[in-house]
Amino acid sequence: MEDDYLVIPNPLRDLAPVRYNLQLVAEAESRVQDIRIANPATGQDLLALFSRACFQLSKVYADLTLQLALANDRLNKRKAVLLIDIIPDLIKAKGLQDNQMSRNAFLDRDQEYSDVALVIANIEAATMLVKGKLKAMEDALRAVKSIYDATSSAYKRPNPNLATTGINSAPDMKPPQDVITRYDIEESHPTTIGGLKLGKARYGKDE
């Protein structure tokens, strides 16, 4: 880490190091302690900040996975060249037995092979660091979300007035006996205007 930047050696030959800007992550990490005093009114900023930090770390983790694959590919190619084209002649020149121990010894002596192995070790360490930061930030994000879940739990309880069955079902809502419905009024008290009866039930018979 260099001033909120994560720097790894480039897995490709003679290229500049790869740098990742983790300033947003550092800001989010400095706000983790604010979770203990957060509430639904003040937790929105933390929720947004931790979400962005998780997204940033996820991108860095994905790119580190790619860089590690490139480094391993370079190491395997160099190893193939050494084992096929170079080491057999060196073993003969030294008068050594051609076995795994001799081949490994010449692999360790090769400078490029050792350099790439060191690159892989650096990338693996950076990957572990980012993975740990991502887990910690996801935990912080869940902690803030739990504040909203606890607050909204009261609104998730079943409404007894809306339930139709079970112990929370609402009572059978029937109109009181002394309430006259519109249908009863129209049926019992028809009005005649100009020889036409008004207020009759739609499906009733003419009287």
Protein backbone atom coordinates (compact mmCIF):
# COMPACT_ATOMS: atom_id res chain seq x y z
CA MET A 1 0.00 0.00 0.00
CA GLU A 2 1.28 3.45 -0.95
CA ASP A 3 -0.84 6.45 0.11
CA ASP A 4 -4.14 4.59 -0.33
CA TYR A 5 -2.87 2.93 -3.53
CA LEU A 6 -2.33 -0.80 -3.88
CA VAL A 7 0.69 -1.47 -6.10
CA ILE A 8 1.69 -4.83 -7.55
CA PRO A 9 4.47 -5.74 -10.01
CA ASN A 10 3.31 -6.16 -13.57
CA PRO A 11 3.06 -9.83 -14.53
CA LEU A 12 4.21 -9.01 -18.05
CA ARG A 13 7.83 -8.33 -18.88
CA ASP A 14 9.31 -4.82 -18.45
CA LEU A 15 6.05 -2.99 -17.89
CA ALA A 16 5.14 -0.45 -15.21
CA PRO A 17 3.63 -1.71 -11.94
CA VAL A 18 -0.14 -2.00 -11.69
CA ARG A 19 -1.71 0.54 -9.32
CA TYR A 20 -5.17 0.41 -7.76
CA ASN A 21 -6.79 3.49 -6.24
CA LEU A 22 -8.26 2.52 -2.85
CA GLN A 23 -8.93 6.04 -1.53
CA LEU A 24 -12.67 5.38 -1.42
CA VAL A 25 -12.04 2.15 0.48
CA ALA A 26 -9.83 3.97 2.99
CA GLU A 27 -12.58 6.54 3.53
CA ALA A 28 -15.14 3.79 4.09
CA GLU A 29 -12.85 2.01 6.55
CA SER A 30 -12.46 5.22 8.54
CA ARG A 31 -16.27 5.43 8.88
CA VAL A 32 -16.83 1.89 10.17
CA GLN A 33 -16.78 3.11 13.77
CA ASP A 34 -19.76 5.35 12.97
CA ILE A 35 -21.98 2.29 12.71
CA ARG A 36 -22.37 2.19 16.50
CA ILE A 37 -24.14 5.58 16.50
CA ALA A 38 -25.95 5.24 13.19
CA ASN A 39 -29.73 5.34 12.85
CA PRO A 40 -32.11 5.32 9.88
CA ALA A 41 -31.75 9.10 9.52
CA THR A 42 -27.93 9.15 9.53
CA GLY A 43 -27.21 5.70 8.10
CA GLN A 44 -28.00 6.52 4.49
CA ASP A 45 -24.56 8.03 3.86
CA LEU A 46 -22.87 5.00 5.39
CA LEU A 47 -25.01 2.66 3.32
CA ALA A 48 -24.03 4.43 0.10
CA LEU A 49 -20.34 4.69 1.05
CA PHE A 50 -20.00 1.04 2.04
CA SER A 51 -21.83 -0.07 -1.09
CA ARG A 52 -19.44 1.88 -3.33
CA ALA A 53 -16.44 0.53 -1.41
CA CYS A 54 -17.66 -3.05 -1.84
CA PHE A 55 -18.09 -2.48 -5.56
CA GLN A 56 -14.59 -0.96 -5.84
CA LEU A 57 -12.99 -3.85 -3.95
CA SER A 58 -14.87 -6.37 -6.08
CA LYS A 59 -13.42 -4.81 -9.23
CA VAL A 60 -9.90 -4.81 -7.79
CA TYR A 61 -10.27 -8.43 -6.68
CA ALA A 62 -11.41 -9.46 -10.16
CA ASP A 63 -8.48 -7.66 -11.81
CA LEU A 64 -5.99 -9.19 -9.36
CA THR A 65 -7.34 -12.61 -10.32
CA LEU A 66 -6.58 -11.78 -13.95
CA GLN A 67 -3.08 -10.48 -13.14
CA LEU A 68 -2.35 -13.66 -11.17
CA ALA A 69 -3.43 -15.80 -14.12
CA LEU A 70 -1.12 -13.85 -16.44
CA ALA A 71 1.79 -14.26 -14.04
CA ASN A 72 1.21 -18.00 -13.71
CA ASP A 73 1.02 -18.33 -17.48
CA ARG A 74 4.35 -16.52 -17.85
CA LEU A 75 5.93 -18.71 -15.17
CA ASN A 76 4.71 -21.92 -16.82
CA LYS A 77 6.03 -20.86 -20.22
CA ARG A 78 9.44 -20.00 -18.80
CA LYS A 79 9.49 -23.32 -16.96
CA ALA A 80 8.70 -25.18 -20.18
CA VAL A 81 11.55 -23.45 -22.01
CA LEU A 82 13.97 -24.25 -19.21
CA LEU A 83 12.99 -27.92 -18.89
CA ILE A 84 12.97 -28.62 -22.62
CA ASP A 85 15.62 -26.37 -24.15
CA ILE A 86 18.08 -25.30 -21.46
CA ILE A 87 18.28 -27.53 -18.38
CA PRO A 88 19.05 -30.84 -20.18
CA ASP A 89 22.21 -29.32 -21.68
CA LEU A 90 23.20 -27.81 -18.34
CA ILE A 91 22.80 -31.17 -16.61
CA LYS A 92 25.04 -32.84 -19.19
CA ALA A 93 27.60 -30.07 -18.99
CA LYS A 94 27.76 -30.41 -15.21
CA GLY A 95 27.84 -34.20 -15.33
CA LEU A 96 24.81 -34.46 -13.07
CA GLN A 97 22.10 -37.07 -12.94
CA ASP A 98 18.95 -36.05 -14.80
CA ASN A 99 16.40 -36.16 -11.96
CA GLN A 100 13.82 -33.91 -10.36
CA MET A 101 16.29 -32.54 -7.81
CA SER A 102 18.74 -31.45 -10.51
CA ARG A 103 16.00 -29.86 -12.62
CA ASN A 104 14.58 -27.95 -9.63
CA ALA A 105 18.06 -26.69 -8.76
CA PHE A 106 18.50 -25.20 -12.23
CA LEU A 107 14.98 -23.75 -12.11
CA ASP A 108 15.85 -21.94 -8.88
CA ARG A 109 19.04 -20.57 -10.44
CA ASP A 110 17.21 -19.02 -13.38
CA GLN A 111 16.76 -15.31 -12.74
CA GLU A 112 13.64 -14.79 -14.85
CA TYR A 113 11.94 -17.80 -13.29
CA SER A 114 12.71 -16.48 -9.80
CA ASP A 115 11.52 -12.97 -10.72
CA VAL A 116 8.18 -14.22 -12.00
CA ALA A 117 7.73 -16.43 -8.93
CA LEU A 118 8.24 -13.33 -6.78
CA VAL A 119 5.65 -11.46 -8.86
CA ILE A 120 3.17 -14.26 -8.21
CA ALA A 121 3.86 -14.12 -4.48
CA ASN A 122 3.22 -10.35 -4.47
CA ILE A 123 -0.04 -10.68 -6.40
CA GLU A 124 -1.24 -13.49 -4.15
CA ALA A 125 -0.53 -11.37 -1.06
CA ALA A 126 -2.39 -8.40 -2.59
CA THR A 127 -5.32 -10.67 -3.46
CA MET A 128 -5.54 -11.91 0.13
CA LEU A 129 -5.44 -8.32 1.39
CA VAL A 130 -8.24 -7.18 -0.91
CA LYS A 131 -10.30 -10.28 -0.11
CA GLY A 132 -10.04 -9.49 3.60
CA LYS A 133 -10.98 -5.85 3.05
CA LEU A 134 -13.95 -6.88 0.94
CA LYS A 135 -15.25 -9.25 3.62
CA ALA A 136 -14.87 -6.57 6.31
CA MET A 137 -16.68 -4.02 4.16
CA GLU A 138 -19.49 -6.46 3.39
CA ASP A 139 -19.88 -7.05 7.14
CA ALA A 140 -20.07 -3.29 7.70
CA LEU A 141 -22.67 -2.98 4.95
CA ARG A 142 -24.80 -5.72 6.51
CA ALA A 143 -24.52 -4.00 9.90
CA VAL A 144 -25.93 -0.78 8.48
CA LYS A 145 -28.70 -2.64 6.65
CA SER A 146 -29.68 -4.32 9.92
CA ILE A 147 -30.50 -0.89 11.34
CA TYR A 148 -33.14 -0.43 8.65
CA ASP A 149 -34.39 -4.00 9.02
CA ALA A 150 -34.89 -3.55 12.76
CA THR A 151 -36.71 -0.27 12.21
CA SER A 152 -39.00 -1.60 9.53
CA SER A 153 -39.85 -4.87 11.31
CA ALA A 154 -42.91 -3.28 12.91
CA TYR A 155 -44.29 -2.56 9.45
CA LYS A 156 -43.86 -6.16 8.37
CA ARG A 157 -46.23 -7.60 10.96
CA PRO A 158 -49.51 -9.05 9.60
CA ASN A 159 -52.47 -6.71 9.68
CA PRO A 160 -55.32 -8.47 11.52
CA ASN A 161 -57.86 -6.38 9.62
CA LEU A 162 -56.58 -7.83 6.33
CA ALA A 163 -56.26 -11.47 7.37
CA THR A 164 -58.96 -13.84 6.23
CA THR A 165 -58.05 -17.00 8.12
CA GLY A 166 -56.28 -18.06 11.28
CA ILE A 167 -56.02 -16.35 14.65
CA ASN A 168 -55.44 -12.98 13.00
CA SER A 169 -58.53 -13.17 10.82
CA ALA A 170 -60.87 -10.24 11.05
CA PRO A 171 -64.43 -10.77 12.33
CA ASP A 172 -67.19 -11.23 9.82
CA MET A 173 -68.10 -7.67 8.92
CA LYS A 174 -71.85 -7.49 8.40
CA PRO A 175 -73.96 -4.34 8.43
CA PRO A 176 -76.07 -3.80 11.56
CA GLN A 177 -79.68 -4.86 11.39
CA ASP A 178 -80.93 -1.31 11.64
CA VAL A 179 -79.00 -0.18 8.56
CA ILE A 180 -81.13 -0.03 5.44
CA THR A 181 -79.15 -0.64 2.27
CA ARG A 182 -79.64 1.23 -0.94
CA TYR A 183 -81.19 -1.85 -2.49
CA ASP A 184 -83.75 -2.05 0.32
CA ILE A 185 -84.68 1.59 -0.13
CA GLU A 186 -85.14 1.22 -3.85
CA GLU A 187 -87.16 -1.98 -3.47
CA SER A 188 -89.39 -0.80 -0.64
CA HIS A 189 -90.01 2.77 -1.75
CA PRO A 190 -90.35 2.99 -5.52
CA THR A 191 -91.01 6.42 -6.97
CA THR A 192 -93.39 7.04 -9.83
CA ILE A 193 -92.79 9.96 -12.17
CA GLY A 194 -94.84 10.37 -15.33
CA GLY A 195 -96.11 6.84 -15.16
CA LEU A 196 -92.60 5.35 -14.81
CA LYS A 197 -91.50 3.60 -11.68
CA LEU A 198 -88.06 4.57 -10.43
CA GLY A 199 -85.99 2.87 -7.83
CA LYS A 200 -87.03 -0.67 -8.65
CA ALA A 201 -84.51 -3.44 -8.21
CA ARG A 202 -82.68 -4.17 -11.45
CA TYR A 203 -83.81 -7.78 -11.57
CA GLY A 204 -87.21 -7.36 -9.83
CA LYS A 205 -90.55 -7.86 -11.54
CA ASP A 206 -92.90 -5.00 -12.22
CA GLU A 207 -95.65 -4.70 -9.64
